[in-house]
C-alpha atoms as a PDB file:
ATOM      1  CA  MET A   1     136.423 101.646  18.392  1.00  0.00           C
ATOM      2  CA  SER A   2     133.722 101.455  16.333  1.00  0.00           C
ATOM      3  CA  ALA A   3     131.837 104.497  14.686  1.00  0.00           C
ATOM      4  CA  ASN A   4     128.826 103.965  16.694  1.00  0.00           C
ATOM      5  CA  SER A   5     130.281 104.045  19.902  1.00  0.00           C
ATOM      6  CA  ALA A   6     132.473 107.140  18.828  1.00  0.00           C
ATOM      7  CA  GLY A   7     129.107 108.501  17.449  1.00  0.00           C
ATOM      8  CA  TRP A   8     127.080 107.840  21.288  1.00  0.00           C
ATOM      9  CA  ARG A   9     129.896 109.326  23.024  1.00  0.00           C
ATOM     10  CA  ARG A  10     129.995 112.546  21.114  1.00  0.00           C
ATOM     11  CA  VAL A  11     126.585 112.808  21.359  1.00  0.00           C
ATOM     12  CA  ASN A  12     127.055 111.864  25.227  1.00  0.00           C
ATOM     13  CA  ASN A  13     129.623 114.231  25.494  1.00  0.00           C
ATOM     14  CA  VAL A  14     127.493 117.508  23.708  1.00  0.00           C
ATOM     15  CA  LEU A  15     124.587 116.884  26.089  1.00  0.00           C
ATOM     16  CA  HIS A  16     126.576 116.188  29.110  1.00  0.00           C
ATOM     17  CA  ARG A  17     128.336 119.907  28.153  1.00  0.00           C
ATOM     18  CA  ASP A  18     125.015 121.887  27.042  1.00  0.00           C
ATOM     19  CA  LEU A  19     123.579 120.625  30.103  1.00  0.00           C
ATOM     20  CA  GLY A  20     126.222 122.052  32.339  1.00  0.00           C
ATOM     21  CA  TYR A  21     126.188 125.058  30.780  1.00  0.00           C
ATOM     22  CA  LEU A  22     122.079 125.358  31.434  1.00  0.00           C
ATOM     23  CA  ALA A  23     122.499 124.262  34.665  1.00  0.00           C
ATOM     24  CA  CYS A  24     125.437 126.302  35.769  1.00  0.00           C
ATOM     25  CA  ALA A  25     123.555 129.609  37.297  1.00  0.00           C
ATOM     26  CA  LEU A  26     121.040 127.110  39.129  1.00  0.00           C
ATOM     27  CA  THR A  27     123.857 125.258  40.310  1.00  0.00           C
ATOM     28  CA  VAL A  28     125.643 128.002  41.809  1.00  0.00           C
ATOM     29  CA  LEU A  29     122.230 129.385  43.294  1.00  0.00           C
ATOM     30  CA  TYR A  30     121.228 126.134  44.801  1.00  0.00           C
ATOM     31  CA  ALA A  31     124.541 125.341  46.145  1.00  0.00           C
ATOM     32  CA  VAL A  32     125.280 128.854  47.958  1.00  0.00           C
ATOM     33  CA  SER A  33     121.314 128.504  49.204  1.00  0.00           C
ATOM     34  CA  GLY A  34     122.201 124.972  50.581  1.00  0.00           C
ATOM     35  CA  ILE A  35     125.441 125.869  52.684  1.00  0.00           C
ATOM     36  CA  ALA A  36     123.390 128.559  54.244  1.00  0.00           C
ATOM     37  CA  VAL A  37     120.652 126.746  54.922  1.00  0.00           C
ATOM     38  CA  ASN A  38     122.515 123.796  55.987  1.00  0.00           C
ATOM     39  CA  HIS A  39     123.683 126.458  59.000  1.00  0.00           C
ATOM     40  CA  ILE A  40     120.339 127.543  60.165  1.00  0.00           C
ATOM     41  CA  GLU A  41     120.767 127.079  63.710  1.00  0.00           C
ATOM     42  CA  ASP A  42     123.938 129.323  63.301  1.00  0.00           C
ATOM     43  CA  TRP A  43     122.550 132.007  61.939  1.00  0.00           C
ATOM     44  CA  ASN A  44     119.198 133.373  59.952  1.00  0.00           C
ATOM     45  CA  ALA A  45     120.362 132.737  56.326  1.00  0.00           C
ATOM     46  CA  SER A  46     117.418 134.802  54.972  1.00  0.00           C
ATOM     47  CA  TYR A  47     117.220 137.654  57.481  1.00  0.00           C
ATOM     48  CA  ALA A  48     119.909 139.929  58.997  1.00  0.00           C
ATOM     49  CA  THR A  49     118.600 141.081  62.442  1.00  0.00           C
ATOM     50  CA  ARG A  50     119.439 144.526  64.232  1.00  0.00           C
ATOM     51  CA  LEU A  51     118.704 145.168  67.672  1.00  0.00           C
ATOM     52  CA  GLU A  52     118.133 148.894  68.518  1.00  0.00           C
ATOM     53  CA  ARG A  53     117.532 150.603  71.809  1.00  0.00           C
ATOM     54  CA  PHE A  54     115.050 153.775  72.229  1.00  0.00           C
ATOM     55  CA  THR A  55     113.609 155.665  75.142  1.00  0.00           C
ATOM     56  CA  MET A  56     110.264 157.553  74.921  1.00  0.00           C
ATOM     57  CA  THR A  57     107.717 159.085  77.327  1.00  0.00           C
ATOM     58  CA  PRO A  58     104.490 156.891  77.183  1.00  0.00           C
ATOM     59  CA  PRO A  59     101.290 158.681  77.772  1.00  0.00           C
ATOM     60  CA  ALA A  60     100.422 158.245  81.476  1.00  0.00           C
ATOM     61  CA  GLY A  61      97.511 155.393  81.479  1.00  0.00           C
ATOM     62  CA  ALA A  62      97.494 155.141  77.646  1.00  0.00           C
ATOM     63  CA  GLY A  63      95.585 152.120  76.311  1.00  0.00           C
ATOM     64  CA  PRO A  64      97.003 149.410  73.631  1.00  0.00           C
ATOM     65  CA  GLU A  65      95.742 151.991  70.356  1.00  0.00           C
ATOM     66  CA  ALA A  66      97.555 154.857  71.778  1.00  0.00           C
ATOM     67  CA  LEU A  67     100.568 153.128  73.102  1.00  0.00           C
ATOM     68  CA  GLN A  68     100.809 151.712  69.048  1.00  0.00           C
ATOM     69  CA  ARG A  69     100.115 154.943  68.101  1.00  0.00           C
ATOM     70  CA  GLU A  70     103.073 156.572  69.843  1.00  0.00           C
ATOM     71  CA  LEU A  71     105.650 153.797  69.329  1.00  0.00           C
ATOM     72  CA  ILE A  72     104.443 154.353  65.392  1.00  0.00           C
ATOM     73  CA  ALA A  73     105.541 157.583  65.837  1.00  0.00           C
ATOM     74  CA  LYS A  74     108.567 157.174  67.848  1.00  0.00           C
ATOM     75  CA  LEU A  75     110.121 154.587  65.280  1.00  0.00           C
ATOM     76  CA  GLY A  76     108.947 156.376  61.806  1.00  0.00           C
ATOM     77  CA  LEU A  77     107.062 152.779  61.086  1.00  0.00           C
ATOM     78  CA  ASP A  78     104.506 152.391  58.412  1.00  0.00           C
ATOM     79  CA  PRO A  79     101.050 151.955  60.338  1.00  0.00           C
ATOM     80  CA  ALA A  80     100.439 149.291  57.759  1.00  0.00           C
ATOM     81  CA  SER A  81     103.536 146.954  58.648  1.00  0.00           C
ATOM     82  CA  VAL A  82     102.243 146.680  62.123  1.00  0.00           C
ATOM     83  CA  ARG A  83     100.928 142.824  62.441  1.00  0.00           C
ATOM     84  CA  GLY A  84      99.493 143.201  65.625  1.00  0.00           C
ATOM     85  CA  TRP A  85     100.420 143.779  69.525  1.00  0.00           C
ATOM     86  CA  HIS A  86     100.674 141.995  72.841  1.00  0.00           C
ATOM     87  CA  ARG A  87     100.845 143.015  76.162  1.00  0.00           C
ATOM     88  CA  PRO A  88     102.425 139.985  78.261  1.00  0.00           C
ATOM     89  CA  GLU A  89     102.663 141.604  81.442  1.00  0.00           C
ATOM     90  CA  PRO A  90     101.155 144.828  82.949  1.00  0.00           C
ATOM     91  CA  GLY A  91     104.191 147.100  82.058  1.00  0.00           C
ATOM     92  CA  ARG A  92     104.936 145.556  78.814  1.00  0.00           C
ATOM     93  CA  PHE A  93     103.761 146.426  75.405  1.00  0.00           C
ATOM     94  CA  VAL A  94     104.961 144.850  72.181  1.00  0.00           C
ATOM     95  CA  LEU A  95     104.297 145.545  68.451  1.00  0.00           C
ATOM     96  CA  PHE A  96     104.902 142.742  66.193  1.00  0.00           C
ATOM     97  CA  LEU A  97     106.543 143.767  62.655  1.00  0.00           C
ATOM     98  CA  PRO A  98     106.982 141.726  59.393  1.00  0.00           C
ATOM     99  CA  ASP A  99     109.451 138.938  59.186  1.00  0.00           C
ATOM    100  CA  GLY A 100     109.653 138.342  62.873  1.00  0.00           C
ATOM    101  CA  GLY A 101     110.702 142.106  63.853  1.00  0.00           C
ATOM    102  CA  GLU A 102     109.129 143.662  67.306  1.00  0.00           C
ATOM    103  CA  ALA A 103     109.097 146.746  68.743  1.00  0.00           C
ATOM    104  CA  ALA A 104     109.203 146.116  72.878  1.00  0.00           C
ATOM    105  CA  LEU A 105     108.529 149.216  75.246  1.00  0.00           C
ATOM    106  CA  ASP A 106     108.928 148.768  79.125  1.00  0.00           C
ATOM    107  CA  VAL A 107     106.062 151.324  79.525  1.00  0.00           C
ATOM    108  CA  VAL A 108     106.974 152.269  83.466  1.00  0.00           C
ATOM    109  CA  ARG A 109     110.878 153.167  82.444  1.00  0.00           C
ATOM    110  CA  GLY A 110     109.871 154.510  78.725  1.00  0.00           C
ATOM    111  CA  GLU A 111     112.823 152.276  77.472  1.00  0.00           C
ATOM    112  CA  GLY A 112     112.362 149.912  74.368  1.00  0.00           C
ATOM    113  CA  THR A 113     114.067 147.486  71.992  1.00  0.00           C
ATOM    114  CA  TRP A 114     113.427 147.632  68.344  1.00  0.00           C
ATOM    115  CA  LYS A 115     114.006 144.119  66.577  1.00  0.00           C
ATOM    116  CA  ARG A 116     114.812 145.143  62.916  1.00  0.00           C
ATOM    117  CA  VAL A 117     114.989 142.456  60.414  1.00  0.00           C
ATOM    118  CA  ARG A 118     115.825 142.691  57.025  1.00  0.00           C
ATOM    119  CA  PRO A 119     115.913 140.279  54.094  1.00  0.00           C
ATOM    120  CA  ARG A 120     119.544 139.382  53.358  1.00  0.00           C
ATOM    121  CA  PRO A 121     120.405 140.602  49.748  1.00  0.00           C
ATOM    122  CA  LEU A 122     120.746 137.640  47.441  1.00  0.00           C
ATOM    123  CA  LEU A 123     120.487 135.075  49.961  1.00  0.00           C
ATOM    124  CA  PHE A 124     116.807 136.080  50.721  1.00  0.00           C
ATOM    125  CA  GLU A 125     116.087 135.206  47.261  1.00  0.00           C
ATOM    126  CA  SER A 126     118.008 132.417  46.766  1.00  0.00           C
ATOM    127  CA  ASN A 127     116.802 130.782  49.428  1.00  0.00           C
ATOM    128  CA  VAL A 128     113.121 131.356  48.598  1.00  0.00           C
ATOM    129  CA  LEU A 129     113.995 129.840  45.187  1.00  0.00           C
ATOM    130  CA  HIS A 130     115.656 126.413  46.690  1.00  0.00           C
ATOM    131  CA  LEU A 131     113.012 125.843  49.296  1.00  0.00           C
ATOM    132  CA  ASN A 132     110.376 126.683  46.537  1.00  0.00           C
ATOM    133  CA  HIS A 133     108.173 129.164  48.887  1.00  0.00           C
ATOM    134  CA  ILE A 134     106.913 130.404  45.171  1.00  0.00           C
ATOM    135  CA  LYS A 135     105.003 127.133  44.539  1.00  0.00           C
ATOM    136  CA  GLY A 136     103.356 127.441  41.224  1.00  0.00           C
ATOM    137  CA  ALA A 137     105.257 127.245  38.160  1.00  0.00           C
ATOM    138  CA  TRP A 138     108.643 127.461  39.990  1.00  0.00           C
ATOM    139  CA  THR A 139     107.828 123.691  41.014  1.00  0.00           C
ATOM    140  CA  TYR A 140     108.152 122.999  37.258  1.00  0.00           C
ATOM    141  CA  VAL A 141     111.436 124.492  36.954  1.00  0.00           C
ATOM    142  CA  ALA A 142     112.724 123.252  39.993  1.00  0.00           C
ATOM    143  CA  ASP A 143     111.687 119.813  39.031  1.00  0.00           C
ATOM    144  CA  ALA A 144     113.479 120.082  35.431  1.00  0.00           C
ATOM    145  CA  TYR A 145     116.707 121.348  37.003  1.00  0.00           C
ATOM    146  CA  ALA A 146     116.775 118.104  39.261  1.00  0.00           C
ATOM    147  CA  LEU A 147     115.680 116.110  36.120  1.00  0.00           C
ATOM    148  CA  VAL A 148     118.460 118.051  34.402  1.00  0.00           C
ATOM    149  CA  LEU A 149     121.212 116.938  37.140  1.00  0.00           C
ATOM    150  CA  LEU A 150     120.031 113.266  37.020  1.00  0.00           C
ATOM    151  CA  ILE A 151     121.114 113.411  32.995  1.00  0.00           C
ATOM    152  CA  LEU A 152     124.322 115.380  34.014  1.00  0.00           C
ATOM    153  CA  ALA A 153     125.138 112.891  36.787  1.00  0.00           C
ATOM    154  CA  ALA A 154     124.716 109.836  34.093  1.00  0.00           C
ATOM    155  CA  THR A 155     126.100 111.185  31.197  1.00  0.00           C
ATOM    156  CA  GLY A 156     129.365 112.670  33.233  1.00  0.00           C
ATOM    157  CA  LEU A 157     129.939 108.751  33.899  1.00  0.00           C
ATOM    158  CA  PHE A 158     130.599 108.583  30.237  1.00  0.00           C
ATOM    159  CA  VAL A 159     132.175 111.910  29.186  1.00  0.00           C
ATOM    160  CA  LEU A 160     136.200 110.232  29.916  1.00  0.00           C
ATOM    161  CA  LYS A 161     136.920 106.525  28.741  1.00  0.00           C
ATOM    162  CA  GLY A 162     140.032 104.371  29.490  1.00  0.00           C
ATOM    163  CA  GLU A 163     142.100 104.477  32.635  1.00  0.00           C
ATOM    164  CA  ASN A 164     140.717 107.760  33.823  1.00  0.00           C
ATOM    165  CA  GLY A 165     136.714 106.895  32.937  1.00  0.00           C
ATOM    166  CA  LEU A 166     134.341 104.528  34.422  1.00  0.00           C
ATOM    167  CA  ARG A 167     136.451 101.375  34.070  1.00  0.00           C
ATOM    168  CA  GLY A 168     139.614 102.731  35.238  1.00  0.00           C
ATOM    169  CA  ARG A 169     139.705 105.417  38.412  1.00  0.00           C
ATOM    170  CA  GLY A 170     136.603 106.901  37.836  1.00  0.00           C
ATOM    171  CA  LYS A 171     134.672 103.243  39.257  1.00  0.00           C
ATOM    172  CA  TRP A 172     136.643 104.367  42.794  1.00  0.00           C
ATOM    173  CA  TRP A 173     135.331 107.829  42.453  1.00  0.00           C
ATOM    174  CA  VAL A 174     131.752 106.673  42.185  1.00  0.00           C
ATOM    175  CA  LEU A 175     131.860 104.111  44.771  1.00  0.00           C
ATOM    176  CA  ALA A 176     133.646 106.566  47.209  1.00  0.00           C
ATOM    177  CA  GLY A 177     130.361 109.144  46.168  1.00  0.00           C
ATOM    178  CA  THR A 178     127.778 106.345  46.718  1.00  0.00           C
ATOM    179  CA  ALA A 179     129.691 104.894  50.073  1.00  0.00           C
ATOM    180  CA  LEU A 180     129.382 108.670  51.719  1.00  0.00           C
ATOM    181  CA  PRO A 181     125.497 108.990  52.155  1.00  0.00           C
ATOM    182  CA  LEU A 182     125.008 105.544  52.813  1.00  0.00           C
ATOM    183  CA  ALA A 183     127.486 105.696  55.521  1.00  0.00           C
ATOM    184  CA  PHE A 184     125.468 108.476  57.144  1.00  0.00           C
ATOM    185  CA  VAL A 185     121.740 106.718  56.547  1.00  0.00           C
ATOM    186  CA  LEU A 186     123.333 103.493  58.490  1.00  0.00           C
ATOM    187  CA  TYR A 187     124.561 105.739  61.214  1.00  0.00           C
ATOM    188  CA  TYR A 188     121.302 107.657  61.190  1.00  0.00           C
ATOM    189  CA  TYR A 189     119.501 104.521  61.455  1.00  0.00           C
ATOM    190  CA  LEU A 190     121.742 102.529  64.200  1.00  0.00           C
ATOM    191  CA  ALA A 191     121.842 105.912  66.278  1.00  0.00           C
ATOM    192  CA  ARG A 192     118.179 106.077  66.104  1.00  0.00           C
ATOM    193  CA  ALA A 193     117.806 101.982  67.294  1.00  0.00           C
END
């Protein structure tokens, strides 16, 4: 092996190692968030929901404003957190709360349900970053991270040499890793045809 080849491989390996360290936390964040978001049809990856039942005696003949005041007092809500109200039918009153929460009251029977929605610790924040809800400067951070991943993929091909490297068994792993997404894309287009 020539000195140039050894020097190039050393630079490649140092770049791969250091960028790997730099990307470690974001890779864990994106991986955990990605798994959670992939199963969004099974559960809400960002919010935990709890349904509580309550009873109260609504004021007779009360209008929407009075019902709203009574519900806020009964549930101990911050009036500023109420997003609005709806009366889907004469005997039912619903308050809209943040993040999809709601308090619904059967005005006739005085029975209600309170759908409480709370952000899941760490998962909520991870999903906000992963799905780029922040926009602005975070978009550039996410783009830089994607570029780092591209460099890691490229430099990773050349970390090892010989029978364990790209010329040996590495080529089969690269082909397998390439075939997997291609097979799913092909399946997707054939299924749509």
